[in-house]
């Protein structure tokens, strides 16, 4: 056990996430997204814990790779959920003002020409970036292309 979660449960999230990123690199996009969605499901259903049992929100990878494939609406939904904007997740699974998801959401909004909300999100993103200790060029380092 690691606090409230078993190591096997935590490693199951890691395995699904790794398989998703691996299949993505192999060009098997649908299979990759299926693995990443499974990792999200596993992560979301782990018992509440502080800190989280799995520290890397899987929605970062899913959103970034969906974005890279031009699936902007799906990516936007992943970021909104992660940030808690759409109320689909219980509070313990949300990551408010998460710099990675803010970056991804802002990019989605810009890609679809939504400038009003993008301006508001950009303000929040700028505050989050000011606290970051690494440059934020995409919502996940797994993404091969960077935002313009």
Foldseek 3Di string as FASTA:
>chain_A
DPVQFDPVLQVLLVVLQVVLLVCVVVVNNVSSLVSLVVSQVSQQPGDQDVPRSHDDRSLLVNLLSCVVVVVLVVSLVSLCVQQCNVVPGDPSNHDNLDLLSLQSNLLSCVVVVNPPVSVVSVVSNVVSCVPDPDDHFHSDPSHPDGDD
